[in-house]
């Protein structure tokens, strides 16, 4: 993991990552054909902007509540082959890309929480990690219900 010299540097990095996640979901939504899938991906893009806003609040001295729950991990993404976003993606491909992206975001916030000595900042990062884990779980559940059960 990248070494940071200040809390502001960590927060700027995380804010930039949330912007990238937003842009990723917007771009992915442009590559799918089904309107309902496009809408779901655009909803995720908005949620990533919400994370960015939370981080901007943390930067201004606000803190997120500590994570109170552990999120179920179906671990489906651990066993799926990587796929790259492309025009005309199938729903299955879009779900795989999204699961992998959310897993990486969960790991980022978990690592950031472990790397800081500020307990309130660590709580904020753990809270964001829980949100990313919830996103991943939603994609895994969708994959389980609409891909695995149709196979």
C-alpha atoms as a PDB file:
ATOM      1  CA  UNK A   1       0.000   0.000   0.000  1.00  0.00           C
ATOM      2  CA  UNK A   2       1.090   3.534  -0.724  1.00  0.00           C
ATOM      3  CA  UNK A   3       2.784   5.387   2.148  1.00  0.00           C
ATOM      4  CA  UNK A   4       1.171   8.629   3.240  1.00  0.00           C
ATOM      5  CA  UNK A   5       2.815  11.463   5.127  1.00  0.00           C
ATOM      6  CA  UNK A   6      -0.356  13.026   6.548  1.00  0.00           C
ATOM      7  CA  UNK A   7      -4.020  12.407   7.256  1.00  0.00           C
ATOM      8  CA  UNK A   8      -4.903  14.965   4.576  1.00  0.00           C
ATOM      9  CA  UNK A   9      -2.885  12.982   2.061  1.00  0.00           C
ATOM     10  CA  UNK A  10      -4.769   9.792   3.001  1.00  0.00           C
ATOM     11  CA  UNK A  11      -8.105  11.562   2.711  1.00  0.00           C
ATOM     12  CA  UNK A  12      -7.209  13.143  -0.634  1.00  0.00           C
ATOM     13  CA  UNK A  13      -6.255   9.700  -1.937  1.00  0.00           C
ATOM     14  CA  UNK A  14      -9.532   8.160  -0.714  1.00  0.00           C
ATOM     15  CA  UNK A  15     -11.571  11.059  -2.142  1.00  0.00           C
ATOM     16  CA  UNK A  16      -9.884  10.595  -5.518  1.00  0.00           C
ATOM     17  CA  UNK A  17     -10.611   6.848  -5.373  1.00  0.00           C
ATOM     18  CA  UNK A  18     -14.307   7.517  -4.750  1.00  0.00           C
ATOM     19  CA  UNK A  19     -14.383   9.879  -7.728  1.00  0.00           C
ATOM     20  CA  UNK A  20     -12.750   7.142  -9.830  1.00  0.00           C
ATOM     21  CA  UNK A  21     -15.365   4.642  -8.594  1.00  0.00           C
ATOM     22  CA  UNK A  22     -18.153   7.063  -9.563  1.00  0.00           C
ATOM     23  CA  UNK A  23     -16.631   7.547 -13.010  1.00  0.00           C
ATOM     24  CA  UNK A  24     -16.185   3.768 -13.376  1.00  0.00           C
ATOM     25  CA  UNK A  25     -19.880   3.075 -12.738  1.00  0.00           C
ATOM     26  CA  UNK A  26     -20.965   5.886 -15.066  1.00  0.00           C
ATOM     27  CA  UNK A  27     -18.719   4.488 -17.822  1.00  0.00           C
ATOM     28  CA  UNK A  28     -19.890   0.936 -17.140  1.00  0.00           C
ATOM     29  CA  UNK A  29     -23.527   2.045 -17.326  1.00  0.00           C
ATOM     30  CA  UNK A  30     -22.832   3.392 -20.826  1.00  0.00           C
ATOM     31  CA  UNK A  31     -21.595  -0.032 -21.928  1.00  0.00           C
ATOM     32  CA  UNK A  32     -24.715  -2.021 -21.006  1.00  0.00           C
ATOM     33  CA  UNK A  33     -27.829  -2.298 -23.119  1.00  0.00           C
ATOM     34  CA  UNK A  34     -30.577  -3.048 -20.621  1.00  0.00           C
ATOM     35  CA  UNK A  35     -32.165   0.097 -19.135  1.00  0.00           C
ATOM     36  CA  UNK A  36     -32.664  -1.481 -15.679  1.00  0.00           C
ATOM     37  CA  UNK A  37     -29.001  -2.503 -15.535  1.00  0.00           C
ATOM     38  CA  UNK A  38     -27.969   0.990 -16.656  1.00  0.00           C
ATOM     39  CA  UNK A  39     -30.086   2.488 -13.854  1.00  0.00           C
ATOM     40  CA  UNK A  40     -28.624   0.130 -11.215  1.00  0.00           C
ATOM     41  CA  UNK A  41     -25.074   1.099 -12.204  1.00  0.00           C
ATOM     42  CA  UNK A  42     -25.953   4.798 -12.197  1.00  0.00           C
ATOM     43  CA  UNK A  43     -27.391   4.342  -8.690  1.00  0.00           C
ATOM     44  CA  UNK A  44     -24.061   2.891  -7.597  1.00  0.00           C
ATOM     45  CA  UNK A  45     -22.272   5.861  -9.164  1.00  0.00           C
ATOM     46  CA  UNK A  46     -24.387   8.165  -6.979  1.00  0.00           C
ATOM     47  CA  UNK A  47     -23.555   6.100  -3.886  1.00  0.00           C
ATOM     48  CA  UNK A  48     -19.849   6.470  -4.622  1.00  0.00           C
ATOM     49  CA  UNK A  49     -20.332  10.245  -4.763  1.00  0.00           C
ATOM     50  CA  UNK A  50     -21.998   9.908  -1.354  1.00  0.00           C
ATOM     51  CA  UNK A  51     -18.839   8.243  -0.070  1.00  0.00           C
ATOM     52  CA  UNK A  52     -16.804  11.094  -1.519  1.00  0.00           C
ATOM     53  CA  UNK A  53     -19.018  13.589   0.343  1.00  0.00           C
ATOM     54  CA  UNK A  54     -18.549  11.644   3.590  1.00  0.00           C
ATOM     55  CA  UNK A  55     -14.787  11.760   3.133  1.00  0.00           C
ATOM     56  CA  UNK A  56     -14.921  15.495   2.447  1.00  0.00           C
ATOM     57  CA  UNK A  57     -16.825  15.791   5.736  1.00  0.00           C
ATOM     58  CA  UNK A  58     -14.152  13.768   7.531  1.00  0.00           C
ATOM     59  CA  UNK A  59     -11.561  16.110   6.059  1.00  0.00           C
ATOM     60  CA  UNK A  60     -13.499  19.028   7.589  1.00  0.00           C
ATOM     61  CA  UNK A  61     -13.416  17.405  11.022  1.00  0.00           C
ATOM     62  CA  UNK A  62     -16.555  15.278  10.991  1.00  0.00           C
ATOM     63  CA  UNK A  63     -16.277  11.591  11.799  1.00  0.00           C
ATOM     64  CA  UNK A  64     -18.384   8.689  10.672  1.00  0.00           C
ATOM     65  CA  UNK A  65     -19.889   6.420  13.282  1.00  0.00           C
ATOM     66  CA  UNK A  66     -17.842   3.306  13.975  1.00  0.00           C
ATOM     67  CA  UNK A  67     -18.822   0.199  12.051  1.00  0.00           C
ATOM     68  CA  UNK A  68     -21.272  -1.791  14.146  1.00  0.00           C
ATOM     69  CA  UNK A  69     -21.732  -4.867  12.010  1.00  0.00           C
ATOM     70  CA  UNK A  70     -19.868  -7.439  10.038  1.00  0.00           C
ATOM     71  CA  UNK A  71     -21.140  -7.980   6.502  1.00  0.00           C
ATOM     72  CA  UNK A  72     -21.755 -11.445   5.111  1.00  0.00           C
ATOM     73  CA  UNK A  73     -19.253 -12.263   2.376  1.00  0.00           C
ATOM     74  CA  UNK A  74     -20.463 -14.827  -0.155  1.00  0.00           C
ATOM     75  CA  UNK A  75     -16.920 -14.792  -1.620  1.00  0.00           C
ATOM     76  CA  UNK A  76     -18.264 -15.318  -5.127  1.00  0.00           C
ATOM     77  CA  UNK A  77     -15.858 -12.781  -6.588  1.00  0.00           C
ATOM     78  CA  UNK A  78     -12.929 -14.838  -5.296  1.00  0.00           C
ATOM     79  CA  UNK A  79     -13.775 -17.579  -7.796  1.00  0.00           C
ATOM     80  CA  UNK A  80     -14.726 -15.599 -10.866  1.00  0.00           C
ATOM     81  CA  UNK A  81     -12.485 -14.874 -13.813  1.00  0.00           C
ATOM     82  CA  UNK A  82     -11.507 -11.223 -14.279  1.00  0.00           C
ATOM     83  CA  UNK A  83     -13.294  -9.438 -17.078  1.00  0.00           C
ATOM     84  CA  UNK A  84     -12.773  -5.964 -18.481  1.00  0.00           C
ATOM     85  CA  UNK A  85     -15.601  -3.521 -19.136  1.00  0.00           C
ATOM     86  CA  UNK A  86     -16.606  -3.418 -22.792  1.00  0.00           C
ATOM     87  CA  UNK A  87     -19.524  -2.290 -24.926  1.00  0.00           C
ATOM     88  CA  UNK A  88     -22.472  -4.663 -24.915  1.00  0.00           C
ATOM     89  CA  UNK A  89     -21.448  -6.395 -21.689  1.00  0.00           C
ATOM     90  CA  UNK A  90     -23.702  -9.143 -20.447  1.00  0.00           C
ATOM     91  CA  UNK A  91     -25.334  -8.722 -17.074  1.00  0.00           C
ATOM     92  CA  UNK A  92     -23.075 -11.467 -15.716  1.00  0.00           C
ATOM     93  CA  UNK A  93     -19.934  -9.665 -16.919  1.00  0.00           C
ATOM     94  CA  UNK A  94     -21.092  -6.350 -15.427  1.00  0.00           C
ATOM     95  CA  UNK A  95     -21.745  -8.026 -12.074  1.00  0.00           C
ATOM     96  CA  UNK A  96     -18.293  -9.642 -12.048  1.00  0.00           C
ATOM     97  CA  UNK A  97     -16.591  -6.319 -12.798  1.00  0.00           C
ATOM     98  CA  UNK A  98     -18.635  -4.580 -10.108  1.00  0.00           C
ATOM     99  CA  UNK A  99     -17.934  -7.277  -7.475  1.00  0.00           C
ATOM    100  CA  UNK A 100     -14.198  -7.078  -8.101  1.00  0.00           C
ATOM    101  CA  UNK A 101     -14.294  -3.270  -7.903  1.00  0.00           C
ATOM    102  CA  UNK A 102     -16.180  -3.294  -4.589  1.00  0.00           C
ATOM    103  CA  UNK A 103     -13.842  -5.915  -3.134  1.00  0.00           C
ATOM    104  CA  UNK A 104     -10.873  -3.671  -3.974  1.00  0.00           C
ATOM    105  CA  UNK A 105     -12.622  -0.685  -2.345  1.00  0.00           C
ATOM    106  CA  UNK A 106     -13.349  -2.735   0.811  1.00  0.00           C
ATOM    107  CA  UNK A 107      -9.689  -3.760   0.984  1.00  0.00           C
ATOM    108  CA  UNK A 108      -8.534  -0.161   0.502  1.00  0.00           C
ATOM    109  CA  UNK A 109     -10.628   1.150   3.418  1.00  0.00           C
ATOM    110  CA  UNK A 110      -9.726  -1.815   5.619  1.00  0.00           C
ATOM    111  CA  UNK A 111      -6.033  -1.192   4.960  1.00  0.00           C
ATOM    112  CA  UNK A 112      -6.414   2.553   5.545  1.00  0.00           C
ATOM    113  CA  UNK A 113      -8.154   1.866   8.876  1.00  0.00           C
ATOM    114  CA  UNK A 114      -5.314  -0.421   9.913  1.00  0.00           C
ATOM    115  CA  UNK A 115      -2.663   2.079   8.872  1.00  0.00           C
ATOM    116  CA  UNK A 116      -3.788   5.066  10.932  1.00  0.00           C
ATOM    117  CA  UNK A 117      -3.120   5.731  14.599  1.00  0.00           C
ATOM    118  CA  UNK A 118      -6.097   8.125  14.823  1.00  0.00           C
ATOM    119  CA  UNK A 119      -8.966   6.051  16.314  1.00  0.00           C
ATOM    120  CA  UNK A 120     -11.718   8.306  14.934  1.00  0.00           C
ATOM    121  CA  UNK A 121     -10.230   8.241  11.448  1.00  0.00           C
ATOM    122  CA  UNK A 122      -9.862   4.460  11.698  1.00  0.00           C
ATOM    123  CA  UNK A 123     -13.550   4.229  12.674  1.00  0.00           C
ATOM    124  CA  UNK A 124     -14.467   6.361   9.660  1.00  0.00           C
ATOM    125  CA  UNK A 125     -12.478   4.127   7.312  1.00  0.00           C
ATOM    126  CA  UNK A 126     -13.992   0.986   8.863  1.00  0.00           C
ATOM    127  CA  UNK A 127     -17.471   2.463   8.357  1.00  0.00           C
ATOM    128  CA  UNK A 128     -16.671   3.065   4.675  1.00  0.00           C
ATOM    129  CA  UNK A 129     -15.240  -0.457   4.396  1.00  0.00           C
ATOM    130  CA  UNK A 130     -18.567  -1.804   5.692  1.00  0.00           C
ATOM    131  CA  UNK A 131     -20.441   0.216   3.062  1.00  0.00           C
ATOM    132  CA  UNK A 132     -18.204  -1.161   0.307  1.00  0.00           C
ATOM    133  CA  UNK A 133     -18.685  -4.696   1.663  1.00  0.00           C
ATOM    134  CA  UNK A 134     -22.445  -4.125   1.523  1.00  0.00           C
ATOM    135  CA  UNK A 135     -22.127  -3.066  -2.122  1.00  0.00           C
ATOM    136  CA  UNK A 136     -20.150  -6.204  -2.890  1.00  0.00           C
ATOM    137  CA  UNK A 137     -22.742  -8.337  -1.094  1.00  0.00           C
ATOM    138  CA  UNK A 138     -25.537  -6.774  -3.159  1.00  0.00           C
ATOM    139  CA  UNK A 139     -23.688  -7.645  -6.368  1.00  0.00           C
ATOM    140  CA  UNK A 140     -22.905 -11.166  -5.120  1.00  0.00           C
ATOM    141  CA  UNK A 141     -26.523 -11.738  -4.125  1.00  0.00           C
ATOM    142  CA  UNK A 142     -27.672 -10.507  -7.522  1.00  0.00           C
ATOM    143  CA  UNK A 143     -25.154 -12.824  -9.209  1.00  0.00           C
ATOM    144  CA  UNK A 144     -26.333 -15.752  -7.090  1.00  0.00           C
ATOM    145  CA  UNK A 145     -30.014 -15.097  -7.828  1.00  0.00           C
ATOM    146  CA  UNK A 146     -29.863 -14.252 -11.519  1.00  0.00           C
ATOM    147  CA  UNK A 147     -26.762 -15.958 -12.870  1.00  0.00           C
ATOM    148  CA  UNK A 148     -26.017 -19.039 -10.805  1.00  0.00           C
ATOM    149  CA  UNK A 149     -29.655 -20.096 -10.466  1.00  0.00           C
ATOM    150  CA  UNK A 150     -30.255 -19.741 -14.203  1.00  0.00           C
ATOM    151  CA  UNK A 151     -27.263 -21.951 -15.029  1.00  0.00           C
END
